[in-house]
Amino acid sequence: MSKIKNIINGWQNFISKSEVSEDLVVQRAVHCVSCTELKKGVLLSMLKDDFVEIQGYSCNICNCPLSAKLRSEKETCPKKLW
């Protein structure tokens, strides 16, 4: 259940676009944009993310949307990249 809470927290940070969460996105996305587990989702593509490189993408391992996952302080990369 905590994974759901973490992703909800990530969506809250997506909406608020706080400076802290946006700095976190930049640090983490460096690893995600070149990861082989990056997958494009149709539904997520409709959400406009300021960080275009991850807009509409999710992780193929955990299926989390990157716009939320990267903004959740408690989430971690399943490949231990961040």
PDB file of N, CA and C in Angstrom:
ATOM      1  N   MET A   1       0.819  -1.196   0.000  1.00  0.00           N
ATOM      2  CA  MET A   1       0.000   0.000   0.000  1.00  0.00           C
ATOM      3  C   MET A   1       0.865   1.263   0.000  1.00  0.00           C
ATOM      4  N   SER A   2       2.074   1.198   0.535  1.00  0.00           N
ATOM      5  CA  SER A   2       2.900   2.401   0.595  1.00  0.00           C
ATOM      6  C   SER A   2       3.327   2.856  -0.804  1.00  0.00           C
ATOM      7  N   LYS A   3       3.453   1.927  -1.766  1.00  0.00           N
ATOM      8  CA  LYS A   3       3.788   2.297  -3.142  1.00  0.00           C
ATOM      9  C   LYS A   3       2.709   3.228  -3.693  1.00  0.00           C
ATOM     10  N   ILE A   4       1.459   2.928  -3.442  1.00  0.00           N
ATOM     11  CA  ILE A   4       0.356   3.778  -3.901  1.00  0.00           C
ATOM     12  C   ILE A   4       0.458   5.160  -3.266  1.00  0.00           C
ATOM     13  N   LYS A   5       0.734   5.201  -1.973  1.00  0.00           N
ATOM     14  CA  LYS A   5       0.889   6.489  -1.284  1.00  0.00           C
ATOM     15  C   LYS A   5       2.040   7.284  -1.879  1.00  0.00           C
ATOM     16  N   ASN A   6       3.139   6.603  -2.194  1.00  0.00           N
ATOM     17  CA  ASN A   6       4.293   7.278  -2.777  1.00  0.00           C
ATOM     18  C   ASN A   6       3.951   7.886  -4.135  1.00  0.00           C
ATOM     19  N   ILE A   7       3.218   7.146  -4.959  1.00  0.00           N
ATOM     20  CA  ILE A   7       2.862   7.648  -6.286  1.00  0.00           C
ATOM     21  C   ILE A   7       1.851   8.790  -6.166  1.00  0.00           C
ATOM     22  N   ILE A   8       0.933   8.694  -5.217  1.00  0.00           N
ATOM     23  CA  ILE A   8      -0.001   9.809  -4.980  1.00  0.00           C
ATOM     24  C   ILE A   8       0.778  11.048  -4.565  1.00  0.00           C
ATOM     25  N   ASN A   9       1.763  10.868  -3.692  1.00  0.00           N
ATOM     26  CA  ASN A   9       2.630  11.980  -3.301  1.00  0.00           C
ATOM     27  C   ASN A   9       3.349  12.555  -4.519  1.00  0.00           C
ATOM     28  N   GLY A  10       3.793  11.686  -5.398  1.00  0.00           N
ATOM     29  CA  GLY A  10       4.455  12.128  -6.618  1.00  0.00           C
ATOM     30  C   GLY A  10       3.526  12.940  -7.507  1.00  0.00           C
ATOM     31  N   TRP A  11       2.260  12.510  -7.627  1.00  0.00           N
ATOM     32  CA  TRP A  11       1.295  13.278  -8.423  1.00  0.00           C
ATOM     33  C   TRP A  11       1.020  14.629  -7.778  1.00  0.00           C
ATOM     34  N   GLN A  12       0.962  14.664  -6.446  1.00  0.00           N
ATOM     35  CA  GLN A  12       0.782  15.952  -5.767  1.00  0.00           C
ATOM     36  C   GLN A  12       1.939  16.888  -6.084  1.00  0.00           C
ATOM     37  N   ASN A  13       3.150  16.352  -6.086  1.00  0.00           N
ATOM     38  CA  ASN A  13       4.319  17.159  -6.420  1.00  0.00           C
ATOM     39  C   ASN A  13       4.316  17.547  -7.897  1.00  0.00           C
ATOM     40  N   PHE A  14       3.760  16.696  -8.754  1.00  0.00           N
ATOM     41  CA  PHE A  14       3.619  17.004 -10.179  1.00  0.00           C
ATOM     42  C   PHE A  14       2.722  18.223 -10.357  1.00  0.00           C
ATOM     43  N   ILE A  15       1.629  18.255  -9.600  1.00  0.00           N
ATOM     44  CA  ILE A  15       0.678  19.373  -9.695  1.00  0.00           C
ATOM     45  C   ILE A  15       1.275  20.646  -9.124  1.00  0.00           C
ATOM     46  N   SER A  16       1.936  20.545  -7.967  1.00  0.00           N
ATOM     47  CA  SER A  16       2.461  21.745  -7.309  1.00  0.00           C
ATOM     48  C   SER A  16       3.739  22.261  -7.948  1.00  0.00           C
ATOM     49  N   LYS A  17       4.499  21.371  -8.615  1.00  0.00           N
ATOM     50  CA  LYS A  17       5.761  21.745  -9.269  1.00  0.00           C
ATOM     51  C   LYS A  17       6.689  22.511  -8.321  1.00  0.00           C
ATOM     52  N   SER A  18       6.844  21.982  -7.110  1.00  0.00           N
ATOM     53  CA  SER A  18       7.723  22.632  -6.150  1.00  0.00           C
ATOM     54  C   SER A  18       9.166  22.565  -6.628  1.00  0.00           C
ATOM     55  N   GLU A  19       9.955  23.515  -6.205  1.00  0.00           N
ATOM     56  CA  GLU A  19      11.362  23.566  -6.625  1.00  0.00           C
ATOM     57  C   GLU A  19      12.112  22.311  -6.203  1.00  0.00           C
ATOM     58  N   VAL A  20      11.825  21.810  -5.004  1.00  0.00           N
ATOM     59  CA  VAL A  20      12.490  20.606  -4.496  1.00  0.00           C
ATOM     60  C   VAL A  20      12.162  19.404  -5.374  1.00  0.00           C
ATOM     61  N   SER A  21      10.895  19.203  -5.685  1.00  0.00           N
ATOM     62  CA  SER A  21      10.529  18.035  -6.492  1.00  0.00           C
ATOM     63  C   SER A  21      11.054  18.153  -7.921  1.00  0.00           C
ATOM     64  N   GLU A  22      11.112  19.353  -8.459  1.00  0.00           N
ATOM     65  CA  GLU A  22      11.624  19.522  -9.817  1.00  0.00           C
ATOM     66  C   GLU A  22      13.135  19.285  -9.866  1.00  0.00           C
ATOM     67  N   ASP A  23      13.850  19.653  -8.820  1.00  0.00           N
ATOM     68  CA  ASP A  23      15.284  19.342  -8.745  1.00  0.00           C
ATOM     69  C   ASP A  23      15.492  17.830  -8.680  1.00  0.00           C
ATOM     70  N   LEU A  24      14.625  17.155  -7.936  1.00  0.00           N
ATOM     71  CA  LEU A  24      14.684  15.701  -7.814  1.00  0.00           C
ATOM     72  C   LEU A  24      14.455  15.035  -9.172  1.00  0.00           C
ATOM     73  N   VAL A  25      13.505  15.555  -9.940  1.00  0.00           N
ATOM     74  CA  VAL A  25      13.217  15.018 -11.275  1.00  0.00           C
ATOM     75  C   VAL A  25      14.468  15.073 -12.149  1.00  0.00           C
ATOM     76  N   VAL A  26      15.134  16.217 -12.148  1.00  0.00           N
ATOM     77  CA  VAL A  26      16.319  16.387 -12.988  1.00  0.00           C
ATOM     78  C   VAL A  26      17.402  15.385 -12.600  1.00  0.00           C
ATOM     79  N   GLN A  27      17.636  15.229 -11.309  1.00  0.00           N
ATOM     80  CA  GLN A  27      18.670  14.304 -10.835  1.00  0.00           C
ATOM     81  C   GLN A  27      18.360  12.858 -11.233  1.00  0.00           C
ATOM     82  N   ARG A  28      17.107  12.469 -11.115  1.00  0.00           N
ATOM     83  CA  ARG A  28      16.722  11.084 -11.382  1.00  0.00           C
ATOM     84  C   ARG A  28      16.541  10.799 -12.876  1.00  0.00           C
ATOM     85  N   ALA A  29      15.991  11.757 -13.585  1.00  0.00           N
ATOM     86  CA  ALA A  29      15.662  11.539 -14.992  1.00  0.00           C
ATOM     87  C   ALA A  29      16.887  11.293 -15.856  1.00  0.00           C
ATOM     88  N   VAL A  30      18.023  11.787 -15.431  1.00  0.00           N
ATOM     89  CA  VAL A  30      19.269  11.545 -16.163  1.00  0.00           C
ATOM     90  C   VAL A  30      19.449  10.043 -16.399  1.00  0.00           C
ATOM     91  N   HIS A  31      19.087   9.255 -15.408  1.00  0.00           N
ATOM     92  CA  HIS A  31      19.230   7.804 -15.504  1.00  0.00           C
ATOM     93  C   HIS A  31      18.073   7.185 -16.296  1.00  0.00           C
ATOM     94  N   CYS A  32      16.871   7.705 -16.082  1.00  0.00           N
ATOM     95  CA  CYS A  32      15.681   7.098 -16.691  1.00  0.00           C
ATOM     96  C   CYS A  32      15.606   7.288 -18.205  1.00  0.00           C
ATOM     97  N   VAL A  33      16.012   8.441 -18.692  1.00  0.00           N
ATOM     98  CA  VAL A  33      15.843   8.706 -20.126  1.00  0.00           C
ATOM     99  C   VAL A  33      16.689   7.789 -21.004  1.00  0.00           C
ATOM    100  N   SER A  34      17.741   7.222 -20.445  1.00  0.00           N
ATOM    101  CA  SER A  34      18.565   6.306 -21.238  1.00  0.00           C
ATOM    102  C   SER A  34      18.375   4.834 -20.827  1.00  0.00           C
ATOM    103  N   CYS A  35      17.430   4.580 -19.954  1.00  0.00           N
ATOM    104  CA  CYS A  35      17.197   3.225 -19.452  1.00  0.00           C
ATOM    105  C   CYS A  35      16.455   2.376 -20.490  1.00  0.00           C
ATOM    106  N   THR A  36      16.816   1.116 -20.577  1.00  0.00           N
ATOM    107  CA  THR A  36      16.162   0.192 -21.504  1.00  0.00           C
ATOM    108  C   THR A  36      14.757  -0.184 -21.045  1.00  0.00           C
ATOM    109  N   GLU A  37      14.400   0.129 -19.805  1.00  0.00           N
ATOM    110  CA  GLU A  37      13.082  -0.207 -19.261  1.00  0.00           C
ATOM    111  C   GLU A  37      12.068   0.928 -19.416  1.00  0.00           C
ATOM    112  N   LEU A  38      12.426   1.973 -20.117  1.00  0.00           N
ATOM    113  CA  LEU A  38      11.537   3.109 -20.356  1.00  0.00           C
ATOM    114  C   LEU A  38      10.488   2.713 -21.382  1.00  0.00           C
ATOM    115  N   LYS A  39       9.200   2.938 -21.068  1.00  0.00           N
ATOM    116  CA  LYS A  39       8.165   2.613 -22.046  1.00  0.00           C
ATOM    117  C   LYS A  39       7.160   3.755 -22.155  1.00  0.00           C
ATOM    118  N   LYS A  40       6.700   3.979 -23.378  1.00  0.00           N
ATOM    119  CA  LYS A  40       5.757   5.053 -23.678  1.00  0.00           C
ATOM    120  C   LYS A  40       4.339   4.557 -23.437  1.00  0.00           C
ATOM    121  N   GLY A  41       3.557   5.369 -22.734  1.00  0.00           N
ATOM    122  CA  GLY A  41       2.171   5.027 -22.492  1.00  0.00           C
ATOM    123  C   GLY A  41       1.244   5.967 -23.239  1.00  0.00           C
ATOM    124  N   VAL A  42       0.153   5.452 -23.743  1.00  0.00           N
ATOM    125  CA  VAL A  42      -0.790   6.266 -24.512  1.00  0.00           C
ATOM    126  C   VAL A  42      -1.538   7.239 -23.606  1.00  0.00           C
ATOM    127  N   LEU A  43      -2.089   6.751 -22.518  1.00  0.00           N
ATOM    128  CA  LEU A  43      -2.877   7.593 -21.619  1.00  0.00           C
ATOM    129  C   LEU A  43      -2.017   8.671 -20.969  1.00  0.00           C
ATOM    130  N   LEU A  44      -0.821   8.292 -20.513  1.00  0.00           N
ATOM    131  CA  LEU A  44       0.056   9.247 -19.841  1.00  0.00           C
ATOM    132  C   LEU A  44       0.539  10.355 -20.771  1.00  0.00           C
ATOM    133  N   SER A  45       0.521  10.097 -22.069  1.00  0.00           N
ATOM    134  CA  SER A  45       0.980  11.097 -23.037  1.00  0.00           C
ATOM    135  C   SER A  45       0.099  12.342 -23.028  1.00  0.00           C
ATOM    136  N   MET A  46      -1.126  12.209 -22.527  1.00  0.00           N
ATOM    137  CA  MET A  46      -2.038  13.349 -22.488  1.00  0.00           C
ATOM    138  C   MET A  46      -1.679  14.349 -21.392  1.00  0.00           C
ATOM    139  N   LEU A  47      -0.938  13.895 -20.381  1.00  0.00           N
ATOM    140  CA  LEU A  47      -0.515  14.792 -19.310  1.00  0.00           C
ATOM    141  C   LEU A  47       0.723  15.546 -19.752  1.00  0.00           C
ATOM    142  N   LYS A  48       0.665  16.844 -19.699  1.00  0.00           N
ATOM    143  CA  LYS A  48       1.799  17.650 -20.128  1.00  0.00           C
ATOM    144  C   LYS A  48       2.746  17.866 -18.961  1.00  0.00           C
ATOM    145  N   ASP A  49       3.945  17.363 -19.104  1.00  0.00           N
ATOM    146  CA  ASP A  49       4.974  17.483 -18.079  1.00  0.00           C
ATOM    147  C   ASP A  49       6.001  18.498 -18.546  1.00  0.00           C
ATOM    148  N   ASP A  50       6.405  19.398 -17.654  1.00  0.00           N
ATOM    149  CA  ASP A  50       7.423  20.384 -18.001  1.00  0.00           C
ATOM    150  C   ASP A  50       8.742  19.710 -18.350  1.00  0.00           C
ATOM    151  N   PHE A  51       8.963  18.538 -17.802  1.00  0.00           N
ATOM    152  CA  PHE A  51      10.176  17.796 -18.092  1.00  0.00           C
ATOM    153  C   PHE A  51       9.839  16.840 -19.242  1.00  0.00           C
ATOM    154  N   VAL A  52       9.911  17.340 -20.456  1.00  0.00           N
ATOM    155  CA  VAL A  52       9.419  16.667 -21.650  1.00  0.00           C
ATOM    156  C   VAL A  52      10.043  15.291 -21.866  1.00  0.00           C
ATOM    157  N   GLU A  53      11.280  15.085 -21.464  1.00  0.00           N
ATOM    158  CA  GLU A  53      11.953  13.813 -21.699  1.00  0.00           C
ATOM    159  C   GLU A  53      11.246  12.627 -21.048  1.00  0.00           C
ATOM    160  N   ILE A  54      10.478  12.862 -19.985  1.00  0.00           N
ATOM    161  CA  ILE A  54       9.785  11.760 -19.318  1.00  0.00           C
ATOM    162  C   ILE A  54       8.275  11.815 -19.522  1.00  0.00           C
ATOM    163  N   GLN A  55       7.795  12.814 -20.214  1.00  0.00           N
ATOM    164  CA  GLN A  55       6.357  12.986 -20.421  1.00  0.00           C
ATOM    165  C   GLN A  55       5.760  11.779 -21.126  1.00  0.00           C
ATOM    166  N   GLY A  56       4.782  11.155 -20.496  1.00  0.00           N
ATOM    167  CA  GLY A  56       4.098  10.018 -21.097  1.00  0.00           C
ATOM    168  C   GLY A  56       4.796   8.681 -20.938  1.00  0.00           C
ATOM    169  N   TYR A  57       5.903   8.647 -20.225  1.00  0.00           N
ATOM    170  CA  TYR A  57       6.650   7.399 -20.053  1.00  0.00           C
ATOM    171  C   TYR A  57       6.428   6.785 -18.679  1.00  0.00           C
ATOM    172  N   SER A  58       6.625   5.474 -18.620  1.00  0.00           N
ATOM    173  CA  SER A  58       6.571   4.760 -17.347  1.00  0.00           C
ATOM    174  C   SER A  58       7.722   3.755 -17.314  1.00  0.00           C
ATOM    175  N   CYS A  59       7.897   3.174 -16.151  1.00  0.00           N
ATOM    176  CA  CYS A  59       8.935   2.156 -15.971  1.00  0.00           C
ATOM    177  C   CYS A  59       8.349   0.801 -16.343  1.00  0.00           C
ATOM    178  N   ASN A  60       9.038   0.069 -17.169  1.00  0.00           N
ATOM    179  CA  ASN A  60       8.568  -1.240 -17.608  1.00  0.00           C
ATOM    180  C   ASN A  60       8.652  -2.291 -16.502  1.00  0.00           C
ATOM    181  N   ILE A  61       9.463  -2.063 -15.496  1.00  0.00           N
ATOM    182  CA  ILE A  61       9.616  -3.029 -14.402  1.00  0.00           C
ATOM    183  C   ILE A  61       8.489  -2.877 -13.381  1.00  0.00           C
ATOM    184  N   CYS A  62       8.289  -1.647 -12.882  1.00  0.00           N
ATOM    185  CA  CYS A  62       7.283  -1.439 -11.829  1.00  0.00           C
ATOM    186  C   CYS A  62       5.980  -0.838 -12.363  1.00  0.00           C
ATOM    187  N   ASN A  63       5.969  -0.409 -13.626  1.00  0.00           N
ATOM    188  CA  ASN A  63       4.806   0.188 -14.281  1.00  0.00           C
ATOM    189  C   ASN A  63       4.389   1.540 -13.710  1.00  0.00           C
ATOM    190  N   CYS A  64       5.253   2.171 -12.946  1.00  0.00           N
ATOM    191  CA  CYS A  64       4.941   3.484 -12.389  1.00  0.00           C
ATOM    192  C   CYS A  64       5.128   4.570 -13.455  1.00  0.00           C
ATOM    193  N   PRO A  65       4.214   5.547 -13.490  1.00  0.00           N
ATOM    194  CA  PRO A  65       4.394   6.670 -14.401  1.00  0.00           C
ATOM    195  C   PRO A  65       5.551   7.533 -13.922  1.00  0.00           C
ATOM    196  N   LEU A  66       6.486   7.843 -14.807  1.00  0.00           N
ATOM    197  CA  LEU A  66       7.683   8.567 -14.390  1.00  0.00           C
ATOM    198  C   LEU A  66       7.397   9.989 -13.922  1.00  0.00           C
ATOM    199  N   SER A  67       6.368  10.638 -14.449  1.00  0.00           N
ATOM    200  CA  SER A  67       6.043  11.988 -14.003  1.00  0.00           C
ATOM    201  C   SER A  67       5.763  12.019 -12.507  1.00  0.00           C
ATOM    202  N   ALA A  68       5.177  10.955 -11.984  1.00  0.00           N
ATOM    203  CA  ALA A  68       4.900  10.872 -10.545  1.00  0.00           C
ATOM    204  C   ALA A  68       6.040  10.206  -9.788  1.00  0.00           C
ATOM    205  N   LYS A  69       6.557   9.103 -10.313  1.00  0.00           N
ATOM    206  CA  LYS A  69       7.596   8.342  -9.606  1.00  0.00           C
ATOM    207  C   LYS A  69       8.832   9.187  -9.326  1.00  0.00           C
ATOM    208  N   LEU A  70       9.275   9.951 -10.311  1.00  0.00           N
ATOM    209  CA  LEU A  70      10.485  10.745 -10.128  1.00  0.00           C
ATOM    210  C   LEU A  70      10.288  11.882  -9.135  1.00  0.00           C
ATOM    211  N   ARG A  71       9.049  12.269  -8.886  1.00  0.00           N
ATOM    212  CA  ARG A  71       8.764  13.373  -7.958  1.00  0.00           C
ATOM    213  C   ARG A  71       8.431  12.900  -6.546  1.00  0.00           C
ATOM    214  N   SER A  72       8.405  11.606  -6.323  1.00  0.00           N
ATOM    215  CA  SER A  72       8.121  11.067  -4.998  1.00  0.00           C
ATOM    216  C   SER A  72       9.424  10.823  -4.254  1.00  0.00           C
ATOM    217  N   GLU A  73       9.597  11.515  -3.140  1.00  0.00           N
ATOM    218  CA  GLU A  73      10.844  11.425  -2.377  1.00  0.00           C
ATOM    219  C   GLU A  73      11.142  10.011  -1.902  1.00  0.00           C
ATOM    220  N   LYS A  74      10.102   9.205  -1.668  1.00  0.00           N
ATOM    221  CA  LYS A  74      10.297   7.873  -1.102  1.00  0.00           C
ATOM    222  C   LYS A  74      10.438   6.766  -2.139  1.00  0.00           C
ATOM    223  N   GLU A  75      10.208   7.071  -3.401  1.00  0.00           N
ATOM    224  CA  GLU A  75      10.332   6.058  -4.440  1.00  0.00           C
ATOM    225  C   GLU A  75      11.798   5.812  -4.790  1.00  0.00           C
ATOM    226  N   THR A  76      12.082   4.623  -5.266  1.00  0.00           N
ATOM    227  CA  THR A  76      13.442   4.272  -5.698  1.00  0.00           C
ATOM    228  C   THR A  76      13.363   3.590  -7.062  1.00  0.00           C
ATOM    229  N   CYS A  77      14.455   3.573  -7.745  1.00  0.00           N
ATOM    230  CA  CYS A  77      14.554   2.914  -9.035  1.00  0.00           C
ATOM    231  C   CYS A  77      14.635   1.407  -8.822  1.00  0.00           C
ATOM    232  N   PRO A  78      13.825   0.597  -9.534  1.00  0.00           N
ATOM    233  CA  PRO A  78      13.913  -0.846  -9.367  1.00  0.00           C
ATOM    234  C   PRO A  78      15.256  -1.426  -9.815  1.00  0.00           C
ATOM    235  N   LYS A  79      15.996  -0.685 -10.653  1.00  0.00           N
ATOM    236  CA  LYS A  79      17.331  -1.131 -11.071  1.00  0.00           C
ATOM    237  C   LYS A  79      18.429  -0.517 -10.208  1.00  0.00           C
ATOM    238  N   LYS A  80      18.014   0.184  -9.152  1.00  0.00           N
ATOM    239  CA  LYS A  80      18.955   0.811  -8.194  1.00  0.00           C
ATOM    240  C   LYS A  80      19.854   1.872  -8.847  1.00  0.00           C
ATOM    241  N   LEU A  81      19.336   2.559  -9.860  1.00  0.00           N
ATOM    242  CA  LEU A  81      20.102   3.620 -10.516  1.00  0.00           C
ATOM    243  C   LEU A  81      20.022   4.939  -9.745  1.00  0.00           C
ATOM    244  N   TRP A  82      18.977   5.089  -8.925  1.00  0.00           N
ATOM    245  CA  TRP A  82      18.855   6.267  -8.052  1.00  0.00           C
ATOM    246  C   TRP A  82      18.070   5.908  -6.807  1.00  0.00           C
TER     247      TRP A  82
END
